[in-house]
Amino acid sequence: MADGQDASQTGSRADTLLEFPTDFPLKIMGERHDDFAQVVVEVVLRHAPDFDPATLGMRPSSGGRYIGLTATIRATSKAQLDALYRELSSHPMVKVVL
């Protein structure tokens, strides 16, 4: 390891380049639906209970059929992000998660 650090000091840095905790923006896209933002917020809050729904960014597509949401969470681990991505990606209302 660089600088004389061993694996116990760096954690699982081989798994991710992120250092936790970190503010992490999630981009979630789906078809425009009245409940879409609320559904996404509920999923995000299950994984990041300190997420403030008032900070959710919303942007409709140019044609108005889709909506893009940006939820910036305080990520505490790669496992947390992986679980959140899995749940969002598997939701039937969600088309894409970045």
Protein backbone atom coordinates (compact mmCIF):
# COMPACT_ATOMS: atom_id res chain seq x y z
CA MET A 1 0.00 0.00 0.00
CA ALA A 2 1.14 3.55 -0.64
CA ASP A 3 2.51 5.66 2.19
CA GLY A 4 2.99 2.61 4.42
CA GLN A 5 -0.74 2.09 4.95
CA ASP A 6 -2.03 -1.42 5.37
CA ALA A 7 -5.46 -2.73 4.35
CA SER A 8 -6.92 -2.09 7.79
CA GLN A 9 -6.16 1.61 7.45
CA THR A 10 -7.59 2.03 3.97
CA GLY A 11 -10.64 -0.20 4.30
CA SER A 12 -11.89 -1.75 1.08
CA ARG A 13 -10.52 0.95 -1.21
CA ALA A 14 -10.02 -1.69 -3.89
CA ASP A 15 -13.83 -1.89 -4.11
CA THR A 16 -14.42 1.84 -4.56
CA LEU A 17 -12.59 5.08 -5.13
CA LEU A 18 -15.00 6.90 -2.82
CA GLU A 19 -14.12 7.87 0.71
CA PHE A 20 -17.01 7.62 3.15
CA PRO A 21 -18.97 9.43 4.37
CA THR A 22 -19.54 11.50 1.24
CA ASP A 23 -22.34 13.47 -0.40
CA PHE A 24 -23.43 11.36 -3.36
CA PRO A 25 -25.91 12.49 -6.05
CA LEU A 26 -28.23 9.86 -7.49
CA LYS A 27 -29.97 10.51 -10.80
CA ILE A 28 -33.25 8.62 -11.11
CA MET A 29 -35.34 8.70 -14.28
CA GLY A 30 -38.80 7.38 -14.95
CA GLU A 31 -42.02 8.08 -16.78
CA ARG A 32 -43.85 11.12 -15.52
CA HIS A 33 -46.38 9.96 -12.92
CA ASP A 34 -48.05 11.78 -10.02
CA ASP A 35 -46.53 9.43 -7.42
CA PHE A 36 -43.06 9.00 -8.94
CA ALA A 37 -41.21 11.50 -6.74
CA GLN A 38 -42.92 10.24 -3.56
CA VAL A 39 -42.08 6.61 -4.40
CA VAL A 40 -38.43 7.51 -5.02
CA VAL A 41 -38.23 9.50 -1.77
CA GLU A 42 -39.64 6.54 0.19
CA VAL A 43 -37.02 4.20 -1.27
CA VAL A 44 -34.19 6.67 -0.66
CA LEU A 45 -35.28 7.24 2.96
CA ARG A 46 -35.17 3.48 3.64
CA HIS A 47 -31.46 3.52 2.83
CA ALA A 48 -30.54 7.08 3.86
CA PRO A 49 -32.85 8.10 6.73
CA ASP A 50 -31.19 11.51 7.00
CA PHE A 51 -32.08 12.45 3.38
CA ASP A 52 -34.07 15.69 3.23
CA PRO A 53 -36.88 15.30 0.65
CA ALA A 54 -36.99 19.10 0.26
CA THR A 55 -33.61 18.88 -1.51
CA LEU A 56 -34.92 16.54 -4.24
CA GLY A 57 -34.29 18.06 -7.65
CA MET A 58 -36.83 17.51 -10.43
CA ARG A 59 -36.48 18.06 -14.13
CA PRO A 60 -39.00 17.04 -16.79
CA SER A 61 -37.81 15.78 -20.16
CA SER A 62 -38.19 18.10 -23.14
CA GLY A 63 -41.22 16.14 -24.34
CA GLY A 64 -42.71 15.94 -20.85
CA ARG A 65 -43.11 12.16 -20.87
CA TYR A 66 -40.25 11.49 -18.44
CA ILE A 67 -38.96 13.09 -15.27
CA GLY A 68 -35.46 13.10 -13.86
CA LEU A 69 -34.89 13.32 -10.13
CA THR A 70 -31.65 14.09 -8.32
CA ALA A 71 -31.36 12.92 -4.73
CA THR A 72 -28.10 13.79 -3.00
CA ILE A 73 -27.57 11.56 0.02
CA ARG A 74 -24.87 11.40 2.67
CA ALA A 75 -23.47 7.99 1.72
CA THR A 76 -21.81 6.06 4.52
CA SER A 77 -20.67 2.92 2.67
CA LYS A 78 -20.46 1.14 -0.67
CA ALA A 79 -22.92 -1.46 0.67
CA GLN A 80 -25.46 1.30 1.35
CA LEU A 81 -25.12 2.66 -2.19
CA ASP A 82 -25.30 -0.83 -3.72
CA ALA A 83 -28.50 -1.65 -1.82
CA LEU A 84 -30.07 1.67 -2.79
CA TYR A 85 -29.17 1.22 -6.46
CA ARG A 86 -30.57 -2.34 -6.42
CA GLU A 87 -33.90 -1.29 -4.92
CA LEU A 88 -34.32 1.75 -7.16
CA SER A 89 -33.31 -0.15 -10.32
CA SER A 90 -35.75 -2.96 -9.60
CA HIS A 91 -38.73 -0.65 -9.02
CA PRO A 92 -41.21 -0.83 -11.92
CA MET A 93 -41.58 2.98 -12.13
CA VAL A 94 -37.83 3.57 -12.45
CA LYS A 95 -36.25 3.39 -15.91
CA VAL A 96 -32.64 4.42 -15.16
CA VAL A 97 -30.49 5.07 -12.08
CA LEU A 98 -27.12 6.81 -12.45
